[in-house]
Amino acid sequence: MKQHRFRLTGPRATGARLSAVVMRDLLDALINSARHAVRLRVDGRDMTGALPAWLDRISDLTVLPLEAGSTRVVVEAPTLAEAAPDRFAQVDYVSALSPDETSVDVLEESLADALSGNDSADRFDAGLLRTFGQFSRLWRYQIEAIEFEGAARLRLDPSGTARLDALQKKMPAEQRTIVVGKLDQLHHSKRMFTIRTDDGQDLRGVLANDDTAVDSLAPLFGQRAQVAGIAKFRASGTLWLIEADAVAPAAPGASPLSKAPKPLFPALDARSLHKSQGPKSGVAAVFGRWPGDETDSEIEDLLAENS
């Protein structure tokens, strides 16, 4: 087990006492973010669909008494190896996870990347940024900031959650895609694979259908394959992952589909659609005006002819 400390500041953070609703919302955001961050790093998946049992075990936090003299919430979390030895007994070089880390450690790593604005990071996606947004519920109760007193020494406040929201809106939308290339790697326990395109790029994929076994891809290993699914992008616009719902043999020879997908539509900030209106713009520019160039007398003649 490993201890993690979180210091709360603000008018409602008054020593070793804390509102029950603040504690509830803090723990909800903490547990949901920790579970989501680990699932993303391990499986490349969000929190939809059937969830593995080990997610509950790694996020089973124990709350210790508040420390006197400051509003510090202290929790104990099991290491990944303690909670799920069958899954995390060894260092995972693909996801760069250590068995000695806890789910809170993984959360802090992802949050540090997001707060720094690292738009090429692999440790968060749009869904995890939305989950991080749950910490903003604390601001309703006059909590001004939460400080993560781990290795990264993070501080999250209203300006920080606003930056996370802006980063989430910057991320391109997911889109359907088809990619052709050589099936180069298979990660059995992760249900992941790598496909190498004709220009030498290695693209990561994960099987979206839990009923599809990775073993079914074995005959295609080292062969040319066609992957159809959902392309997910980093905030920078580069491909992060393909959630594949179909992997099939592909015809030999070069293919125009053997390249990394790019976003079809850039992320749209809704604020760019809000334009101020004046006496000569917007509705005012057309209200009370006839849309054609006919004179009043010509309009009167037309009305008389059709009456």
Protein backbone atom coordinates (compact mmCIF):
# COMPACT_ATOMS: atom_id res chain seq x y z
CA MET A 1 0.00 0.00 0.00
CA LYS A 2 1.09 3.55 -0.69
CA GLN A 3 -0.14 6.82 0.83
CA HIS A 4 -1.19 9.83 -1.24
CA ARG A 5 -1.89 13.30 0.15
CA PHE A 6 -4.13 16.01 -1.29
CA ARG A 7 -4.18 19.48 0.20
CA LEU A 8 -7.33 21.56 -0.20
CA THR A 9 -7.30 25.35 0.00
CA GLY A 10 -10.11 27.88 0.22
CA PRO A 11 -12.66 29.23 2.74
CA ARG A 12 -14.21 25.79 3.28
CA ALA A 13 -10.84 24.11 3.86
CA THR A 14 -10.56 24.75 7.60
CA GLY A 15 -8.12 22.43 9.28
CA ALA A 16 -8.93 18.82 10.09
CA ARG A 17 -12.63 19.23 9.26
CA LEU A 18 -14.23 18.85 5.85
CA SER A 19 -17.75 19.03 4.50
CA ALA A 20 -19.23 15.63 3.68
CA VAL A 21 -20.33 16.79 0.21
CA VAL A 22 -16.81 18.08 -0.54
CA MET A 23 -15.33 14.75 0.54
CA ARG A 24 -17.90 12.88 -1.55
CA ASP A 25 -17.19 14.87 -4.72
CA LEU A 26 -13.43 14.74 -4.17
CA LEU A 27 -13.41 10.96 -3.80
CA ASP A 28 -15.77 10.48 -6.76
CA ALA A 29 -13.50 12.55 -9.01
CA LEU A 30 -10.38 10.85 -7.64
CA ILE A 31 -11.61 7.28 -8.07
CA ASN A 32 -13.22 7.86 -11.47
CA SER A 33 -10.12 9.63 -12.80
CA ALA A 34 -7.75 6.98 -11.44
CA ARG A 35 -9.76 4.12 -12.94
CA HIS A 36 -10.11 5.88 -16.29
CA ALA A 37 -6.41 6.82 -16.47
CA VAL A 38 -5.29 3.22 -15.86
CA ARG A 39 -7.81 1.72 -18.27
CA LEU A 40 -6.64 4.09 -20.98
CA ARG A 41 -2.96 3.31 -20.40
CA VAL A 42 -3.44 -0.44 -20.17
CA ASP A 43 -6.14 -1.20 -22.72
CA GLY A 44 -6.41 1.97 -24.78
CA ARG A 45 -10.09 1.98 -23.85
CA ASP A 46 -12.49 4.28 -22.03
CA MET A 47 -14.95 3.30 -19.29
CA THR A 48 -17.72 2.09 -21.60
CA GLY A 49 -18.66 -1.53 -22.13
CA ALA A 50 -17.74 -4.44 -19.90
CA LEU A 51 -15.15 -3.38 -17.31
CA PRO A 52 -12.45 -5.76 -16.06
CA ALA A 53 -12.67 -6.79 -12.41
CA TRP A 54 -9.14 -5.58 -11.70
CA LEU A 55 -10.28 -1.96 -12.15
CA ASP A 56 -12.25 -2.20 -8.91
CA ARG A 57 -9.30 -3.68 -7.05
CA ILE A 58 -6.71 -1.11 -8.13
CA SER A 59 -9.01 1.80 -7.21
CA ASP A 60 -10.02 0.47 -3.78
CA LEU A 61 -8.81 3.45 -1.76
CA THR A 62 -8.77 3.72 2.03
CA VAL A 63 -9.37 7.18 3.52
CA LEU A 64 -7.25 7.97 6.59
CA PRO A 65 -8.06 10.64 9.22
CA LEU A 66 -7.55 14.23 8.11
CA GLU A 67 -4.23 15.60 9.28
CA ALA A 68 -4.39 18.26 11.98
CA GLY A 69 -3.26 21.77 11.11
CA SER A 70 -4.25 21.59 7.46
CA THR A 71 -6.97 20.22 5.25
CA ARG A 72 -5.04 17.30 3.87
CA VAL A 73 -6.97 14.29 2.68
CA VAL A 74 -4.81 11.18 2.96
CA VAL A 75 -5.64 7.94 1.17
CA GLU A 76 -3.95 4.57 0.91
CA ALA A 77 -3.95 2.85 -2.46
CA PRO A 78 -2.73 -0.62 -3.39
CA THR A 79 0.05 -0.88 -5.94
CA LEU A 80 -0.92 -2.33 -9.28
CA ALA A 81 0.97 -5.54 -8.47
CA GLU A 82 -0.76 -5.88 -5.09
CA ALA A 83 -4.25 -5.33 -6.48
CA ALA A 84 -3.94 -7.33 -9.70
CA PRO A 85 -0.78 -9.49 -9.69
CA ASP A 86 -2.05 -11.53 -12.63
CA ARG A 87 -2.11 -8.39 -14.77
CA PHE A 88 0.71 -6.23 -13.36
CA ALA A 89 3.31 -8.64 -12.01
CA GLN A 90 5.95 -7.31 -14.39
CA VAL A 91 6.91 -3.96 -15.87
CA ASP A 92 4.70 -3.15 -18.86
CA TYR A 93 7.08 -1.62 -21.39
CA VAL A 94 4.30 -0.89 -23.89
CA SER A 95 2.33 1.37 -21.53
CA ALA A 96 5.38 2.30 -19.39
CA LEU A 97 3.65 1.20 -16.19
CA SER A 98 5.53 -0.06 -13.14
CA PRO A 99 3.99 -2.72 -10.84
CA ASP A 100 4.97 -0.48 -7.90
CA GLU A 101 2.76 2.38 -9.11
CA THR A 102 -0.76 2.93 -7.83
CA SER A 103 -3.79 4.06 -9.79
CA VAL A 104 -3.34 7.51 -8.23
CA ASP A 105 0.24 7.66 -9.55
CA VAL A 106 -1.08 6.93 -13.04
CA LEU A 107 -3.79 9.59 -12.63
CA GLU A 108 -1.17 12.19 -11.66
CA GLU A 109 1.03 11.33 -14.66
CA SER A 110 -1.89 11.81 -17.06
CA LEU A 111 -3.06 14.97 -15.32
CA ALA A 112 0.46 16.44 -15.44
CA ASP A 113 0.60 15.95 -19.21
CA ALA A 114 -2.83 17.52 -19.65
CA LEU A 115 -2.17 20.55 -17.42
CA SER A 116 1.10 21.21 -19.25
CA GLY A 117 -0.81 21.37 -22.53
CA ASN A 118 1.19 18.51 -24.04
CA ASP A 119 -0.94 18.00 -27.16
CA SER A 120 1.19 15.04 -28.35
CA ALA A 121 0.81 13.01 -25.15
CA ASP A 122 -0.57 9.47 -25.15
CA ARG A 123 -1.64 9.49 -21.51
CA PHE A 124 -5.00 11.21 -22.00
CA ASP A 125 -7.78 11.47 -24.53
CA ALA A 126 -10.93 13.58 -24.75
CA GLY A 127 -12.84 11.18 -22.50
CA LEU A 128 -10.26 11.29 -19.71
CA LEU A 129 -10.16 15.10 -19.91
CA ARG A 130 -13.93 15.12 -19.35
CA THR A 131 -13.47 12.82 -16.35
CA PHE A 132 -10.83 15.17 -14.93
CA GLY A 133 -13.49 17.86 -15.22
CA GLN A 134 -15.31 16.23 -12.27
CA PHE A 135 -12.82 17.95 -9.95
CA SER A 136 -14.46 21.26 -10.90
CA ARG A 137 -17.43 20.31 -8.68
CA LEU A 138 -15.26 21.27 -5.70
CA TRP A 139 -15.26 24.92 -6.74
CA ARG A 140 -18.98 25.10 -5.92
CA TYR A 141 -18.15 24.67 -2.24
CA GLN A 142 -15.56 27.48 -1.95
CA ILE A 143 -12.64 25.13 -2.48
CA GLU A 144 -10.11 27.18 -4.41
CA ALA A 145 -7.56 24.50 -5.31
CA ILE A 146 -6.46 20.93 -4.75
CA GLU A 147 -2.76 20.19 -4.54
CA PHE A 148 -1.55 16.70 -5.42
CA GLU A 149 1.47 16.19 -3.16
CA GLY A 150 2.96 13.36 -5.20
CA ALA A 151 6.08 13.29 -7.34
CA ALA A 152 4.61 15.77 -9.84
CA ARG A 153 3.42 18.31 -7.20
CA LEU A 154 0.35 19.31 -9.17
CA ARG A 155 -2.05 22.14 -8.40
CA LEU A 156 -5.55 22.09 -9.87
CA ASP A 157 -7.78 25.17 -9.58
CA PRO A 158 -10.60 26.72 -11.64
CA SER A 159 -8.13 28.09 -14.21
CA GLY A 160 -6.64 24.59 -14.51
CA THR A 161 -9.98 22.88 -15.14
CA ALA A 162 -10.74 25.63 -17.69
CA ARG A 163 -7.49 24.76 -19.50
CA LEU A 164 -8.44 21.08 -19.48
CA ASP A 165 -11.84 21.95 -20.95
CA ALA A 166 -10.21 24.05 -23.68
CA LEU A 167 -7.79 21.23 -24.47
CA GLN A 168 -10.66 18.75 -24.71
CA LYS A 169 -12.49 21.03 -27.17
CA LYS A 170 -9.31 21.30 -29.22
CA MET A 171 -9.14 17.55 -29.82
CA PRO A 172 -10.43 16.42 -33.24
CA ALA A 173 -13.55 14.32 -33.28
CA GLU A 174 -13.34 10.56 -33.72
CA GLN A 175 -14.10 9.30 -37.23
CA ARG A 176 -14.56 6.11 -39.22
CA THR A 177 -11.45 4.95 -41.04
CA ILE A 178 -9.89 2.09 -43.01
CA VAL A 179 -6.15 1.46 -42.91
CA VAL A 180 -4.13 -1.10 -44.88
CA GLY A 181 -0.72 -2.37 -43.85
CA LYS A 182 1.29 -5.27 -42.45
CA LEU A 183 0.05 -6.70 -39.16
CA ASP A 184 3.32 -6.31 -37.31
CA GLN A 185 2.67 -6.95 -33.60
CA LEU A 186 0.06 -8.64 -31.42
CA HIS A 187 -0.34 -7.94 -27.69
CA HIS A 188 -2.47 -10.83 -26.44
CA SER A 189 -3.33 -9.64 -22.92
CA LYS A 190 -4.08 -6.10 -24.09
CA ARG A 191 -6.13 -7.08 -27.15
CA MET A 192 -3.89 -4.65 -29.04
CA PHE A 193 -2.00 -4.85 -32.31
CA THR A 194 0.29 -2.74 -34.49
CA ILE A 195 -0.12 -2.25 -38.21
CA ARG A 196 2.76 -0.91 -40.31
CA THR A 197 1.82 1.29 -43.25
CA ASP A 198 3.61 1.45 -46.60
CA ASP A 199 5.47 4.60 -45.53
CA GLY A 200 6.84 2.84 -42.43
CA GLN A 201 4.55 4.22 -39.73
CA ASP A 202 3.50 1.93 -36.89
CA LEU A 203 -0.13 2.55 -35.94
CA ARG A 204 -1.66 1.16 -32.76
CA GLY A 205 -5.00 -0.59 -32.76
CA VAL A 206 -7.23 -2.27 -30.19
CA LEU A 207 -10.05 -4.74 -30.77
CA ALA A 208 -13.28 -2.92 -29.90
CA ASN A 209 -15.47 -6.03 -29.73
CA ASP A 210 -14.82 -7.93 -26.51
CA ASP A 211 -16.10 -11.11 -28.19
CA THR A 212 -13.31 -11.02 -30.78
CA ALA A 213 -10.27 -12.96 -29.62
CA VAL A 214 -6.78 -11.71 -30.41
CA ASP A 215 -5.97 -15.28 -31.43
CA SER A 216 -8.25 -14.81 -34.44
CA LEU A 217 -5.67 -12.39 -35.86
CA ALA A 218 -2.83 -14.93 -35.65
CA PRO A 219 -3.22 -16.15 -39.29
CA LEU A 220 -2.75 -12.53 -40.42
CA PHE A 221 0.41 -11.93 -38.40
CA GLY A 222 3.13 -10.60 -40.70
CA GLN A 223 0.61 -10.40 -43.55
CA ARG A 224 -1.09 -7.52 -45.27
CA ALA A 225 -4.35 -6.66 -43.51
CA GLN A 226 -7.18 -4.15 -43.71
CA VAL A 227 -8.34 -2.56 -40.44
CA ALA A 228 -11.73 -0.85 -40.22
CA GLY A 229 -12.80 1.06 -37.13
CA ILE A 230 -12.79 4.36 -35.29
CA ALA A 231 -9.73 6.62 -35.45
CA LYS A 232 -8.94 8.56 -32.28
CA PHE A 233 -6.64 11.56 -32.39
CA ARG A 234 -4.35 13.44 -30.05
CA ALA A 235 -4.91 17.13 -29.43
CA SER A 236 -2.11 17.78 -31.95
CA GLY A 237 -4.23 16.12 -34.68
CA THR A 238 -1.99 13.05 -35.04
CA LEU A 239 -3.47 9.57 -34.83
CA TRP A 240 -3.49 8.08 -31.33
CA LEU A 241 -5.33 4.77 -31.72
CA ILE A 242 -7.70 2.82 -33.96
CA GLU A 243 -10.59 1.03 -32.25
CA ALA A 244 -10.98 -1.80 -34.74
CA ASP A 245 -14.26 -3.58 -35.31
CA ALA A 246 -12.96 -5.58 -38.30
CA VAL A 247 -9.54 -6.87 -39.34
CA ALA A 248 -9.39 -8.81 -42.60
CA PRO A 249 -6.86 -9.87 -45.26
CA ALA A 250 -5.94 -7.12 -47.73
CA ALA A 251 -5.00 -7.37 -51.37
CA PRO A 252 -1.24 -7.38 -52.08
CA GLY A 253 0.44 -4.29 -53.49
CA ALA A 254 0.48 -0.63 -52.63
CA SER A 255 -2.75 0.96 -51.39
CA PRO A 256 -3.82 4.60 -51.01
CA LEU A 257 -5.26 3.56 -47.64
CA SER A 258 -1.85 2.56 -46.29
CA LYS A 259 -1.22 5.75 -44.33
CA ALA A 260 -2.10 7.29 -40.99
CA PRO A 261 -5.61 8.80 -40.98
CA LYS A 262 -5.91 12.54 -40.50
CA PRO A 263 -8.86 14.44 -39.03
CA LEU A 264 -11.45 15.24 -41.67
CA PHE A 265 -12.75 18.19 -39.71
CA PRO A 266 -10.76 20.41 -37.35
CA ALA A 267 -12.01 20.84 -33.81
CA LEU A 268 -14.54 23.66 -33.68
CA ASP A 269 -14.62 26.11 -30.80
CA ALA A 270 -18.26 27.12 -30.36
CA ARG A 271 -17.13 30.54 -29.18
CA SER A 272 -15.96 31.30 -32.74
CA LEU A 273 -19.62 31.13 -33.84
CA HIS A 274 -20.66 33.89 -31.45
CA LYS A 275 -20.45 37.17 -33.35
CA SER A 276 -21.57 40.50 -31.92
CA GLN A 277 -24.33 42.23 -33.86
CA GLY A 278 -24.62 45.94 -34.56
CA PRO A 279 -27.05 48.20 -36.43
CA LYS A 280 -25.57 47.17 -39.78
CA SER A 281 -24.79 43.49 -39.10
CA GLY A 282 -26.58 40.25 -38.23
CA VAL A 283 -30.38 40.33 -38.18
CA ALA A 284 -30.38 44.13 -38.22
CA ALA A 285 -28.84 44.12 -41.69
CA VAL A 286 -31.89 42.37 -43.20
CA PHE A 287 -34.78 43.00 -40.81
CA GLY A 288 -37.51 45.09 -42.46
CA ARG A 289 -35.84 44.91 -45.86
CA TRP A 290 -37.12 43.37 -49.07
CA PRO A 291 -34.62 40.67 -50.22
CA GLY A 292 -34.85 41.70 -53.89
CA ASP A 293 -33.97 44.88 -55.80
CA GLU A 294 -37.51 45.72 -57.03
CA THR A 295 -38.89 49.20 -56.38
CA ASP A 296 -41.98 49.82 -54.26
CA SER A 297 -44.09 50.59 -57.35
CA GLU A 298 -43.00 47.35 -59.04
CA ILE A 299 -43.98 45.37 -55.94
CA GLU A 300 -47.38 47.11 -55.86
CA ASP A 301 -47.99 46.23 -59.55
CA LEU A 302 -47.07 42.56 -58.91
CA LEU A 303 -49.41 42.38 -55.95
CA ALA A 304 -52.22 43.96 -57.99
CA GLU A 305 -51.75 41.41 -60.80
CA ASN A 306 -51.98 38.47 -58.38
CA SER A 307 -54.85 39.72 -56.26
